[in-house]
Amino acid sequence: KRLFAVTALAIMTGAVVLSYVLPKKYVVSSTLFVEKNVLNELLRGPAQRSEMDDVLKGLNYSIKSRSLFTKVINDLDLNLGNKNDAQLEAVINELRLNTDFKLNKEEGLITISFTDKNPRLARDFVNTLVRRYIEQNLSTKREESYGATSFISDQVASAKEKLDKIETEMAGL
């Protein structure tokens, strides 16, 4: 009985001491839902494979991109002491190591987690990263929309010219 009690007491004491000695780390997570583009699904047809895998992989790479991390670093003023590219690269690499990305292809979700000793930095980093990513994604979608609208307008104008030409030829007969 004594051996059991001493062993249990030693394990509990070790656990308590260890919990005070280990540095505190805070983990903040955010989840993004990726919607399927219905128009692309209709245009692609049922025979081709789903592009959701490709979309999620692309989103994963764009979220991990150096340019997005640099914008977040600038927004949070984390580069105040960095005067050269090597120091900036070191900060980016450290942030990438502390950032975890998980893809859930079935549900179309991306979970972004960040671990840091400072809870405010962890919160602000994840929120800023997600906000910057959404802004970047919306900007890209706007440009794609404008390009598609422009293309369709050109096609309509071209078809109208051809139709007018055919109507003119038909009227001349």
N, C-alpha and C. Protein backbone atom coordinates (compact mmCIF):
# COMPACT_ATOMS: atom_id res chain seq x y z
N LYS A 1 0.83 -1.19 0.00
CA LYS A 1 0.00 0.00 0.00
C LYS A 1 0.87 1.26 0.00
N ARG A 2 1.93 1.22 0.81
CA ARG A 2 2.80 2.39 0.89
C ARG A 2 3.49 2.65 -0.44
N LEU A 3 3.96 1.60 -1.07
CA LEU A 3 4.63 1.75 -2.37
C LEU A 3 3.68 2.35 -3.40
N PHE A 4 2.44 1.88 -3.41
CA PHE A 4 1.44 2.42 -4.33
C PHE A 4 1.17 3.89 -4.04
N ALA A 5 0.99 4.24 -2.76
CA ALA A 5 0.71 5.62 -2.36
C ALA A 5 1.89 6.53 -2.70
N VAL A 6 3.11 6.09 -2.44
CA VAL A 6 4.31 6.89 -2.73
C VAL A 6 4.45 7.08 -4.24
N THR A 7 4.22 6.01 -5.00
CA THR A 7 4.32 6.10 -6.47
C THR A 7 3.27 7.07 -7.02
N ALA A 8 2.04 6.97 -6.56
CA ALA A 8 0.96 7.85 -7.03
C ALA A 8 1.27 9.30 -6.64
N LEU A 9 1.74 9.52 -5.43
CA LEU A 9 2.08 10.86 -4.97
C LEU A 9 3.24 11.44 -5.78
N ALA A 10 4.23 10.63 -6.10
CA ALA A 10 5.37 11.09 -6.91
C ALA A 10 4.93 11.46 -8.32
N ILE A 11 4.05 10.65 -8.90
CA ILE A 11 3.56 10.95 -10.26
C ILE A 11 2.75 12.24 -10.26
N MET A 12 1.88 12.41 -9.27
CA MET A 12 1.07 13.64 -9.20
C MET A 12 1.96 14.86 -8.98
N THR A 13 2.94 14.74 -8.11
CA THR A 13 3.86 15.85 -7.84
C THR A 13 4.64 16.19 -9.10
N GLY A 14 5.11 15.18 -9.80
CA GLY A 14 5.84 15.41 -11.05
C GLY A 14 4.97 16.10 -12.09
N ALA A 15 3.71 15.71 -12.19
CA ALA A 15 2.80 16.32 -13.15
C ALA A 15 2.55 17.79 -12.81
N VAL A 16 2.36 18.10 -11.54
CA VAL A 16 2.12 19.48 -11.12
C VAL A 16 3.36 20.34 -11.39
N VAL A 17 4.53 19.84 -11.02
CA VAL A 17 5.78 20.58 -11.24
C VAL A 17 6.00 20.78 -12.74
N LEU A 18 5.76 19.76 -13.52
CA LEU A 18 5.94 19.84 -14.97
C LEU A 18 4.99 20.87 -15.59
N SER A 19 3.75 20.94 -15.09
CA SER A 19 2.80 21.90 -15.64
C SER A 19 3.22 23.35 -15.37
N TYR A 20 3.93 23.58 -14.26
CA TYR A 20 4.43 24.92 -13.97
C TYR A 20 5.73 25.24 -14.71
N VAL A 21 6.51 24.23 -14.99
CA VAL A 21 7.81 24.43 -15.62
C VAL A 21 7.68 24.61 -17.13
N LEU A 22 6.80 23.86 -17.76
CA LEU A 22 6.65 23.95 -19.22
C LEU A 22 6.10 25.32 -19.62
N PRO A 23 6.58 25.85 -20.73
CA PRO A 23 6.06 27.15 -21.17
C PRO A 23 4.61 27.01 -21.64
N LYS A 24 3.84 28.05 -21.40
CA LYS A 24 2.44 28.04 -21.80
C LYS A 24 2.37 28.32 -23.30
N LYS A 25 1.51 27.57 -23.96
CA LYS A 25 1.30 27.77 -25.39
C LYS A 25 -0.19 27.86 -25.63
N TYR A 26 -0.55 28.81 -26.47
CA TYR A 26 -1.94 29.03 -26.80
C TYR A 26 -2.16 28.67 -28.27
N VAL A 27 -3.24 27.97 -28.53
CA VAL A 27 -3.57 27.57 -29.90
C VAL A 27 -4.89 28.24 -30.28
N VAL A 28 -4.85 28.95 -31.41
CA VAL A 28 -6.04 29.61 -31.94
C VAL A 28 -6.33 29.00 -33.30
N SER A 29 -7.60 28.68 -33.55
CA SER A 29 -7.99 28.07 -34.82
C SER A 29 -9.12 28.84 -35.46
N SER A 30 -9.13 28.78 -36.79
CA SER A 30 -10.22 29.37 -37.57
C SER A 30 -10.50 28.42 -38.72
N THR A 31 -11.77 28.30 -39.08
CA THR A 31 -12.16 27.39 -40.14
C THR A 31 -12.79 28.18 -41.28
N LEU A 32 -12.34 27.89 -42.49
CA LEU A 32 -12.87 28.52 -43.70
C LEU A 32 -13.67 27.49 -44.48
N PHE A 33 -14.84 27.88 -44.95
CA PHE A 33 -15.65 27.02 -45.79
C PHE A 33 -15.43 27.44 -47.24
N VAL A 34 -15.14 26.46 -48.09
CA VAL A 34 -14.89 26.74 -49.50
C VAL A 34 -16.10 26.25 -50.28
N GLU A 35 -16.80 27.20 -50.90
CA GLU A 35 -17.98 26.85 -51.68
C GLU A 35 -17.59 26.41 -53.07
N LYS A 36 -18.35 25.48 -53.60
CA LYS A 36 -18.14 25.04 -54.97
C LYS A 36 -18.67 26.12 -55.91
N ASN A 37 -17.99 26.29 -57.02
CA ASN A 37 -18.43 27.22 -58.04
C ASN A 37 -19.45 26.50 -58.91
N VAL A 38 -20.73 26.86 -58.77
CA VAL A 38 -21.81 26.17 -59.45
C VAL A 38 -21.68 26.30 -60.97
N LEU A 39 -21.30 27.48 -61.45
CA LEU A 39 -21.16 27.69 -62.88
C LEU A 39 -20.10 26.77 -63.48
N ASN A 40 -18.97 26.64 -62.80
CA ASN A 40 -17.93 25.73 -63.28
C ASN A 40 -18.41 24.28 -63.30
N GLU A 41 -19.21 23.90 -62.30
CA GLU A 41 -19.75 22.54 -62.26
C GLU A 41 -20.64 22.29 -63.47
N LEU A 42 -21.47 23.27 -63.82
CA LEU A 42 -22.38 23.11 -64.96
C LEU A 42 -21.62 23.06 -66.28
N LEU A 43 -20.61 23.91 -66.42
CA LEU A 43 -19.85 23.98 -67.66
C LEU A 43 -18.96 22.76 -67.85
N ARG A 44 -18.47 22.21 -66.78
CA ARG A 44 -17.53 21.11 -66.85
C ARG A 44 -18.21 19.81 -67.27
N GLY A 45 -19.40 19.57 -66.77
CA GLY A 45 -20.11 18.34 -67.12
C GLY A 45 -19.82 17.23 -66.13
N PRO A 46 -20.63 16.19 -66.17
CA PRO A 46 -20.52 15.12 -65.18
C PRO A 46 -19.34 14.17 -65.41
N ALA A 47 -18.79 14.14 -66.61
CA ALA A 47 -17.74 13.16 -66.91
C ALA A 47 -16.39 13.52 -66.31
N GLN A 48 -16.15 14.80 -66.08
CA GLN A 48 -14.84 15.21 -65.57
C GLN A 48 -14.81 15.12 -64.06
N ARG A 49 -13.61 14.95 -63.53
CA ARG A 49 -13.46 14.80 -62.08
C ARG A 49 -13.70 16.12 -61.37
N SER A 50 -14.05 16.05 -60.12
CA SER A 50 -14.34 17.24 -59.34
C SER A 50 -13.09 18.10 -59.19
N GLU A 51 -13.29 19.39 -59.26
CA GLU A 51 -12.16 20.30 -59.11
C GLU A 51 -11.96 20.74 -57.66
N MET A 52 -12.78 20.24 -56.74
CA MET A 52 -12.68 20.65 -55.34
C MET A 52 -11.32 20.31 -54.77
N ASP A 53 -10.76 19.15 -55.12
CA ASP A 53 -9.43 18.79 -54.64
C ASP A 53 -8.40 19.81 -55.09
N ASP A 54 -8.48 20.19 -56.37
CA ASP A 54 -7.55 21.18 -56.91
C ASP A 54 -7.74 22.54 -56.25
N VAL A 55 -8.99 22.91 -56.03
CA VAL A 55 -9.28 24.19 -55.38
C VAL A 55 -8.70 24.22 -53.98
N LEU A 56 -8.93 23.17 -53.21
CA LEU A 56 -8.43 23.13 -51.83
C LEU A 56 -6.90 23.14 -51.79
N LYS A 57 -6.26 22.42 -52.71
CA LYS A 57 -4.80 22.44 -52.76
C LYS A 57 -4.30 23.84 -53.10
N GLY A 58 -4.95 24.48 -54.06
CA GLY A 58 -4.56 25.84 -54.43
C GLY A 58 -4.74 26.82 -53.28
N LEU A 59 -5.83 26.67 -52.54
CA LEU A 59 -6.07 27.54 -51.38
C LEU A 59 -5.01 27.30 -50.32
N ASN A 60 -4.66 26.04 -50.12
CA ASN A 60 -3.63 25.71 -49.13
C ASN A 60 -2.32 26.40 -49.48
N TYR A 61 -1.92 26.34 -50.76
CA TYR A 61 -0.67 26.98 -51.17
C TYR A 61 -0.76 28.50 -51.08
N SER A 62 -1.91 29.07 -51.44
CA SER A 62 -2.01 30.53 -51.40
C SER A 62 -2.02 31.04 -49.96
N ILE A 63 -2.60 30.27 -49.03
CA ILE A 63 -2.59 30.70 -47.63
C ILE A 63 -1.18 30.64 -47.07
N LYS A 64 -0.38 29.66 -47.52
CA LYS A 64 0.99 29.52 -47.03
C LYS A 64 1.98 30.41 -47.78
N SER A 65 1.50 31.20 -48.72
CA SER A 65 2.40 31.98 -49.58
C SER A 65 3.17 33.04 -48.80
N ARG A 66 4.35 33.33 -49.30
CA ARG A 66 5.23 34.32 -48.68
C ARG A 66 4.58 35.70 -48.71
N SER A 67 3.93 36.02 -49.82
CA SER A 67 3.34 37.36 -49.95
C SER A 67 2.22 37.57 -48.92
N LEU A 68 1.41 36.56 -48.67
CA LEU A 68 0.34 36.70 -47.69
C LEU A 68 0.92 36.81 -46.28
N PHE A 69 1.93 36.00 -45.97
CA PHE A 69 2.57 36.10 -44.65
C PHE A 69 3.25 37.46 -44.47
N THR A 70 3.84 37.99 -45.53
CA THR A 70 4.48 39.31 -45.44
C THR A 70 3.46 40.39 -45.14
N LYS A 71 2.29 40.32 -45.78
CA LYS A 71 1.22 41.29 -45.52
C LYS A 71 0.75 41.20 -44.08
N VAL A 72 0.61 39.98 -43.57
CA VAL A 72 0.17 39.79 -42.18
C VAL A 72 1.22 40.34 -41.22
N ILE A 73 2.49 40.08 -41.51
CA ILE A 73 3.58 40.60 -40.67
C ILE A 73 3.56 42.12 -40.65
N ASN A 74 3.34 42.73 -41.80
CA ASN A 74 3.27 44.19 -41.86
C ASN A 74 2.05 44.72 -41.11
N ASP A 75 0.91 44.04 -41.25
CA ASP A 75 -0.31 44.48 -40.55
C ASP A 75 -0.15 44.43 -39.04
N LEU A 76 0.56 43.41 -38.56
CA LEU A 76 0.73 43.24 -37.11
C LEU A 76 2.00 43.91 -36.57
N ASP A 77 2.74 44.58 -37.44
CA ASP A 77 3.99 45.24 -37.07
C ASP A 77 4.98 44.27 -36.42
N LEU A 78 5.09 43.08 -36.98
CA LEU A 78 6.03 42.09 -36.46
C LEU A 78 7.42 42.25 -37.07
N ASN A 79 7.56 43.14 -38.04
CA ASN A 79 8.85 43.30 -38.73
C ASN A 79 9.59 44.56 -38.31
N LEU A 80 9.28 45.10 -37.14
CA LEU A 80 9.90 46.35 -36.71
C LEU A 80 11.42 46.26 -36.61
N GLY A 81 11.93 45.16 -36.11
CA GLY A 81 13.37 45.03 -35.94
C GLY A 81 14.08 44.43 -37.14
N ASN A 82 13.33 43.99 -38.12
CA ASN A 82 13.93 43.33 -39.28
C ASN A 82 14.34 44.35 -40.33
N LYS A 83 15.61 44.38 -40.63
CA LYS A 83 16.10 45.36 -41.58
C LYS A 83 16.50 44.74 -42.90
N ASN A 84 16.59 43.42 -42.97
CA ASN A 84 16.98 42.80 -44.24
C ASN A 84 16.09 41.60 -44.54
N ASP A 85 16.24 41.08 -45.73
CA ASP A 85 15.40 39.97 -46.19
C ASP A 85 15.64 38.69 -45.41
N ALA A 86 16.84 38.46 -44.96
CA ALA A 86 17.14 37.23 -44.21
C ALA A 86 16.37 37.21 -42.89
N GLN A 87 16.30 38.36 -42.21
CA GLN A 87 15.56 38.42 -40.96
C GLN A 87 14.06 38.26 -41.20
N LEU A 88 13.57 38.87 -42.28
CA LEU A 88 12.15 38.72 -42.62
C LEU A 88 11.84 37.26 -42.94
N GLU A 89 12.72 36.62 -43.68
CA GLU A 89 12.53 35.22 -44.03
C GLU A 89 12.53 34.34 -42.78
N ALA A 90 13.36 34.68 -41.80
CA ALA A 90 13.40 33.92 -40.55
C ALA A 90 12.07 34.06 -39.80
N VAL A 91 11.51 35.26 -39.78
CA VAL A 91 10.23 35.48 -39.12
C VAL A 91 9.13 34.70 -39.84
N ILE A 92 9.14 34.74 -41.17
CA ILE A 92 8.13 34.01 -41.95
C ILE A 92 8.23 32.51 -41.68
N ASN A 93 9.45 31.99 -41.67
CA ASN A 93 9.63 30.56 -41.42
C ASN A 93 9.16 30.16 -40.02
N GLU A 94 9.44 31.01 -39.03
CA GLU A 94 8.99 30.73 -37.67
C GLU A 94 7.47 30.73 -37.59
N LEU A 95 6.84 31.69 -38.26
CA LEU A 95 5.37 31.74 -38.27
C LEU A 95 4.79 30.52 -38.99
N ARG A 96 5.42 30.11 -40.08
CA ARG A 96 4.95 28.92 -40.81
C ARG A 96 5.06 27.66 -39.95
N LEU A 97 6.15 27.57 -39.17
CA LEU A 97 6.31 26.40 -38.30
C LEU A 97 5.22 26.34 -37.24
N ASN A 98 4.78 27.49 -36.78
CA ASN A 98 3.75 27.55 -35.74
C ASN A 98 2.34 27.54 -36.30
N THR A 99 2.22 27.54 -37.62
CA THR A 99 0.92 27.56 -38.27
C THR A 99 0.62 26.18 -38.85
N ASP A 100 -0.57 25.70 -38.59
CA ASP A 100 -0.97 24.38 -39.08
C ASP A 100 -2.20 24.55 -39.96
N PHE A 101 -2.17 23.89 -41.12
CA PHE A 101 -3.28 23.93 -42.07
C PHE A 101 -3.82 22.53 -42.24
N LYS A 102 -5.11 22.37 -42.08
CA LYS A 102 -5.73 21.06 -42.29
C LYS A 102 -6.84 21.21 -43.31
N LEU A 103 -6.83 20.30 -44.28
CA LEU A 103 -7.84 20.30 -45.33
C LEU A 103 -8.84 19.20 -45.08
N ASN A 104 -10.11 19.52 -45.17
CA ASN A 104 -11.16 18.52 -45.12
C ASN A 104 -11.86 18.56 -46.48
N LYS A 105 -11.42 17.68 -47.38
CA LYS A 105 -11.90 17.72 -48.77
C LYS A 105 -13.37 17.36 -48.88
N GLU A 106 -13.85 16.46 -48.04
CA GLU A 106 -15.25 16.03 -48.14
C GLU A 106 -16.21 17.17 -47.83
N GLU A 107 -15.88 17.96 -46.84
CA GLU A 107 -16.76 19.06 -46.43
C GLU A 107 -16.34 20.40 -47.02
N GLY A 108 -15.18 20.46 -47.67
CA GLY A 108 -14.71 21.71 -48.26
C GLY A 108 -14.28 22.72 -47.21
N LEU A 109 -13.56 22.26 -46.20
CA LEU A 109 -13.13 23.12 -45.10
C LEU A 109 -11.62 23.20 -45.02
N ILE A 110 -11.13 24.37 -44.63
CA ILE A 110 -9.72 24.55 -44.31
C ILE A 110 -9.68 25.08 -42.88
N THR A 111 -8.92 24.40 -42.02
CA THR A 111 -8.75 24.84 -40.64
C THR A 111 -7.33 25.36 -40.49
N ILE A 112 -7.24 26.60 -40.01
CA ILE A 112 -5.95 27.24 -39.79
C ILE A 112 -5.75 27.36 -38.29
N SER A 113 -4.63 26.82 -37.78
CA SER A 113 -4.32 26.90 -36.36
C SER A 113 -2.96 27.55 -36.18
N PHE A 114 -2.81 28.33 -35.14
CA PHE A 114 -1.54 28.99 -34.83
C PHE A 114 -1.26 28.82 -33.35
N THR A 115 -0.01 28.45 -33.03
CA THR A 115 0.41 28.22 -31.65
C THR A 115 1.48 29.24 -31.28
N ASP A 116 1.29 29.90 -30.12
CA ASP A 116 2.27 30.89 -29.66
C ASP A 116 2.15 31.04 -28.15
N LYS A 117 3.20 31.60 -27.56
CA LYS A 117 3.20 31.85 -26.11
C LYS A 117 2.30 33.03 -25.77
N ASN A 118 2.14 33.95 -26.71
CA ASN A 118 1.34 35.15 -26.49
C ASN A 118 -0.07 34.93 -27.04
N PRO A 119 -1.09 34.90 -26.19
CA PRO A 119 -2.44 34.61 -26.68
C PRO A 119 -2.97 35.69 -27.62
N ARG A 120 -2.60 36.94 -27.36
CA ARG A 120 -3.07 38.03 -28.24
C ARG A 120 -2.45 37.92 -29.63
N LEU A 121 -1.16 37.62 -29.67
CA LEU A 121 -0.50 37.46 -30.96
C LEU A 121 -1.11 36.29 -31.73
N ALA A 122 -1.38 35.19 -31.04
CA ALA A 122 -1.98 34.02 -31.70
C ALA A 122 -3.34 34.39 -32.29
N ARG A 123 -4.17 35.07 -31.50
CA ARG A 123 -5.49 35.49 -31.97
C ARG A 123 -5.39 36.45 -33.14
N ASP A 124 -4.56 37.48 -32.98
CA ASP A 124 -4.43 38.50 -34.03
C ASP A 124 -3.83 37.92 -35.31
N PHE A 125 -2.88 37.01 -35.18
CA PHE A 125 -2.26 36.42 -36.36
C PHE A 125 -3.28 35.63 -37.18
N VAL A 126 -4.04 34.76 -36.50
CA VAL A 126 -5.03 33.95 -37.23
C VAL A 126 -6.10 34.84 -37.84
N ASN A 127 -6.60 35.81 -37.08
CA ASN A 127 -7.64 36.69 -37.61
C ASN A 127 -7.14 37.50 -38.82
N THR A 128 -5.92 38.02 -38.72
CA THR A 128 -5.35 38.81 -39.81
C THR A 128 -5.06 37.94 -41.02
N LEU A 129 -4.54 36.74 -40.80
CA LEU A 129 -4.26 35.83 -41.91
C LEU A 129 -5.55 35.47 -42.66
N VAL A 130 -6.59 35.16 -41.92
CA VAL A 130 -7.88 34.82 -42.55
C VAL A 130 -8.46 36.02 -43.26
N ARG A 131 -8.41 37.20 -42.62
CA ARG A 131 -8.96 38.41 -43.25
C ARG A 131 -8.21 38.74 -44.54
N ARG A 132 -6.88 38.70 -44.50
CA ARG A 132 -6.06 38.98 -45.68
C ARG A 132 -6.33 37.96 -46.79
N TYR A 133 -6.47 36.69 -46.41
CA TYR A 133 -6.74 35.66 -47.40
C TYR A 133 -8.08 35.92 -48.08
N ILE A 134 -9.10 36.25 -47.29
CA ILE A 134 -10.43 36.50 -47.86
C ILE A 134 -10.39 37.71 -48.79
N GLU A 135 -9.68 38.77 -48.38
CA GLU A 135 -9.54 39.95 -49.25
C GLU A 135 -8.86 39.58 -50.56
N GLN A 136 -7.80 38.81 -50.47
CA GLN A 136 -7.05 38.40 -51.67
C GLN A 136 -7.93 37.52 -52.57
N ASN A 137 -8.67 36.62 -51.96
CA ASN A 137 -9.53 35.72 -52.72
C ASN A 137 -10.67 36.49 -53.39
N LEU A 138 -11.27 37.44 -52.68
CA LEU A 138 -12.33 38.24 -53.28
C LEU A 138 -11.81 39.08 -54.44
N SER A 139 -10.62 39.62 -54.29
CA SER A 139 -10.02 40.40 -55.36
C SER A 139 -9.81 39.54 -56.60
N THR A 140 -9.32 38.33 -56.41
CA THR A 140 -9.10 37.42 -57.52
C THR A 140 -10.42 37.06 -58.18
N LYS A 141 -11.44 36.78 -57.38
CA LYS A 141 -12.76 36.45 -57.93
C LYS A 141 -13.35 37.62 -58.71
N ARG A 142 -13.14 38.85 -58.22
CA ARG A 142 -13.61 40.04 -58.94
C ARG A 142 -12.95 40.15 -60.30
N GLU A 143 -11.64 39.93 -60.33
CA GLU A 143 -10.90 40.00 -61.60
C GLU A 143 -11.38 38.92 -62.56
N GLU A 144 -11.61 37.70 -62.04
CA GLU A 144 -12.11 36.62 -62.89
C GLU A 144 -13.50 36.96 -63.43
N SER A 145 -14.36 37.53 -62.58
CA SER A 145 -15.70 37.93 -63.00
C SER A 145 -15.64 38.99 -64.08
N TYR A 146 -14.78 39.97 -63.89
CA TYR A 146 -14.65 41.03 -64.88
C TYR A 146 -14.16 40.45 -66.20
N GLY A 147 -13.19 39.55 -66.15
CA GLY A 147 -12.69 38.92 -67.37
C GLY A 147 -13.77 38.11 -68.08
N ALA A 148 -14.56 37.35 -67.30
CA ALA A 148 -15.64 36.56 -67.89
C ALA A 148 -16.70 37.45 -68.51
N THR A 149 -17.06 38.53 -67.81
CA THR A 149 -18.05 39.47 -68.33
C THR A 149 -17.56 40.12 -69.61
N SER A 150 -16.32 40.50 -69.61
CA SER A 150 -15.71 41.11 -70.79
C SER A 150 -15.71 40.14 -71.97
N PHE A 151 -15.35 38.89 -71.72
CA PHE A 151 -15.33 37.87 -72.76
C PHE A 151 -16.74 37.65 -73.33
N ILE A 152 -17.72 37.52 -72.45
CA ILE A 152 -19.10 37.29 -72.90
C ILE A 152 -19.60 38.48 -73.70
N SER A 153 -19.30 39.70 -73.27
CA SER A 153 -19.71 40.89 -74.01
C SER A 153 -19.11 40.90 -75.40
N ASP A 154 -17.83 40.54 -75.52
CA ASP A 154 -17.17 40.47 -76.83
C ASP A 154 -17.82 39.42 -77.71
N GLN A 155 -18.16 38.27 -77.13
CA GLN A 155 -18.81 37.21 -77.89
C GLN A 155 -20.20 37.62 -78.37
N VAL A 156 -20.94 38.32 -77.51
CA VAL A 156 -22.27 38.79 -77.89
C VAL A 156 -22.16 39.81 -79.03
N ALA A 157 -21.20 40.71 -78.91
CA ALA A 157 -21.02 41.71 -79.98
C ALA A 157 -20.63 41.04 -81.29
N SER A 158 -19.75 40.06 -81.22
CA SER A 158 -19.33 39.33 -82.42
C SER A 158 -20.51 38.58 -83.04
N ALA A 159 -21.30 37.93 -82.23
CA ALA A 159 -22.47 37.20 -82.74
C ALA A 159 -23.48 38.15 -83.34
N LYS A 160 -23.66 39.32 -82.72
CA LYS A 160 -24.60 40.31 -83.25
C LYS A 160 -24.13 40.82 -84.61
N GLU A 161 -22.84 41.06 -84.77
CA GLU A 161 -22.30 41.49 -86.07
C GLU A 161 -22.55 40.43 -87.13
N LYS A 162 -22.30 39.18 -86.80
CA LYS A 162 -22.52 38.09 -87.76
C LYS A 162 -24.00 37.98 -88.12
N LEU A 163 -24.87 38.11 -87.12
CA LEU A 163 -26.30 38.05 -87.36
C LEU A 163 -26.76 39.20 -88.23
N ASP A 164 -26.26 40.42 -87.97
CA ASP A 164 -26.60 41.59 -88.79
C ASP A 164 -26.14 41.39 -90.23
N LYS A 165 -24.96 40.82 -90.39
CA LYS A 165 -24.43 40.57 -91.73
C LYS A 165 -25.30 39.56 -92.48
N ILE A 166 -25.69 38.51 -91.80
CA ILE A 166 -26.55 37.50 -92.43
C ILE A 166 -27.92 38.09 -92.76
N GLU A 167 -28.47 38.93 -91.85
CA GLU A 167 -29.76 39.57 -92.12
C GLU A 167 -29.68 40.49 -93.32
N THR A 168 -28.55 41.21 -93.45
CA THR A 168 -28.35 42.09 -94.59
C THR A 168 -28.29 41.29 -95.89
N GLU A 169 -27.58 40.19 -95.88
CA GLU A 169 -27.49 39.33 -97.05
C GLU A 169 -28.85 38.74 -97.40
N MET A 170 -29.62 38.36 -96.39
CA MET A 170 -30.94 37.78 -96.62
C MET A 170 -31.89 38.83 -97.16
N ALA A 171 -31.79 40.08 -96.71
CA ALA A 171 -32.66 41.14 -97.19
C ALA A 171 -32.35 41.46 -98.64
N GLY A 172 -31.09 41.29 -99.04
CA GLY A 172 -30.68 41.60 -100.42
C GLY A 172 -31.15 40.55 -101.41
N LEU A 173 -31.58 39.41 -100.96
CA LEU A 173 -32.04 38.37 -101.89
C LEU A 173 -33.40 38.58 -102.31
